[in-house]
């Protein structure tokens, strides 16, 4: 399966630390860290999952989550990664 996302490996590096991801911008030395849910979403993106697959996985893992809120939050998180140019969607 081809990934619908591209992680910019020339500008960023990432590491998983204790189940959470940390990303460093190599140009600005600014770093980003994700909480448990953000790290889960990011890990699914790295494995090439689509937005729908990610939303379903989050709902499955966090069974008490509100479906409408999960969809909104996942899409906002992905949009933020795209805005910061950490990832981009493959057209």
Protein backbone atom coordinates (compact mmCIF):
# COMPACT_ATOMS: atom_id res chain seq x y z
CA UNK A 1 0.00 0.00 0.00
CA UNK A 2 1.32 3.45 -0.88
CA UNK A 3 1.18 6.04 1.86
CA UNK A 4 -1.15 9.01 1.35
CA UNK A 5 1.38 11.11 3.33
CA UNK A 6 4.97 12.24 2.85
CA UNK A 7 7.08 13.10 5.90
CA UNK A 8 9.69 15.74 5.03
CA UNK A 9 12.86 13.88 6.07
CA UNK A 10 15.10 16.67 4.80
CA UNK A 11 13.69 19.24 7.25
CA UNK A 12 12.53 17.07 10.15
CA UNK A 13 13.51 14.06 12.21
CA UNK A 14 11.28 12.20 14.61
CA UNK A 15 11.76 9.80 17.48
CA UNK A 16 9.40 7.80 19.60
CA UNK A 17 10.16 8.31 23.28
CA UNK A 18 8.12 6.43 25.85
CA UNK A 19 5.22 5.89 23.47
CA UNK A 20 5.06 9.53 22.38
CA UNK A 21 6.60 11.19 19.33
CA UNK A 22 8.95 14.16 19.28
CA UNK A 23 9.72 15.92 16.01
CA UNK A 24 12.64 18.29 15.46
CA UNK A 25 12.81 20.86 12.67
CA UNK A 26 16.44 20.66 11.54
CA UNK A 27 16.40 24.18 10.09
CA UNK A 28 14.89 26.07 13.02
CA UNK A 29 15.71 23.63 15.85
CA UNK A 30 12.07 23.97 16.95
CA UNK A 31 10.60 20.77 18.28
CA UNK A 32 7.09 19.41 18.56
CA UNK A 33 5.87 16.77 20.95
CA UNK A 34 2.59 14.91 20.77
CA UNK A 35 0.45 13.54 23.54
CA UNK A 36 -0.76 9.93 23.52
CA UNK A 37 -3.55 10.49 21.00
CA UNK A 38 -1.46 12.69 18.70
CA UNK A 39 1.32 10.11 18.80
CA UNK A 40 -1.15 7.36 17.94
CA UNK A 41 -2.46 9.37 14.97
CA UNK A 42 1.08 10.21 13.80
CA UNK A 43 2.12 6.54 14.03
CA UNK A 44 -0.85 5.58 11.85
CA UNK A 45 0.12 8.24 9.32
CA UNK A 46 3.66 6.85 9.21
CA UNK A 47 2.15 3.45 8.42
CA UNK A 48 0.28 4.91 5.45
CA UNK A 49 -3.25 4.95 6.87
CA UNK A 50 -5.87 7.20 5.29
CA UNK A 51 -7.86 9.77 7.25
CA UNK A 52 -10.86 7.42 7.42
CA UNK A 53 -8.69 4.55 8.65
CA UNK A 54 -7.12 6.81 11.27
CA UNK A 55 -10.51 8.03 12.48
CA UNK A 56 -11.77 4.44 12.75
CA UNK A 57 -8.65 3.36 14.65
CA UNK A 58 -8.97 6.23 17.13
CA UNK A 59 -12.64 5.41 17.71
CA UNK A 60 -11.75 1.74 18.19
CA UNK A 61 -8.92 2.46 20.64
CA UNK A 62 -10.76 5.14 22.62
CA UNK A 63 -14.22 3.60 22.77
CA UNK A 64 -15.70 6.43 24.83
CA UNK A 65 -14.78 9.02 22.21
CA UNK A 66 -17.44 11.02 20.40
CA UNK A 67 -17.31 10.19 16.67
CA UNK A 68 -17.98 13.73 15.49
CA UNK A 69 -15.30 15.14 17.82
CA UNK A 70 -12.77 12.47 16.80
CA UNK A 71 -13.22 13.29 13.10
CA UNK A 72 -12.85 17.01 13.79
CA UNK A 73 -9.79 16.53 16.01
CA UNK A 74 -8.02 14.12 13.64
CA UNK A 75 -8.53 16.43 10.68
CA UNK A 76 -7.36 19.47 12.68
CA UNK A 77 -4.25 17.60 13.82
CA UNK A 78 -3.39 16.57 10.26
CA UNK A 79 -4.05 20.11 9.02
CA UNK A 80 -1.63 21.46 11.64
CA UNK A 81 1.07 19.01 10.51
CA UNK A 82 0.52 20.15 6.93
CA UNK A 83 0.61 23.84 7.90
CA UNK A 84 3.94 23.32 9.65
CA UNK A 85 5.08 21.37 6.53
CA UNK A 86 5.91 18.31 8.64
CA UNK A 87 3.84 16.17 6.31
CA UNK A 88 2.09 16.71 3.01
CA UNK A 89 -0.66 14.75 1.37
CA UNK A 90 0.09 12.92 -1.84
CA UNK A 91 -2.37 13.98 -4.49
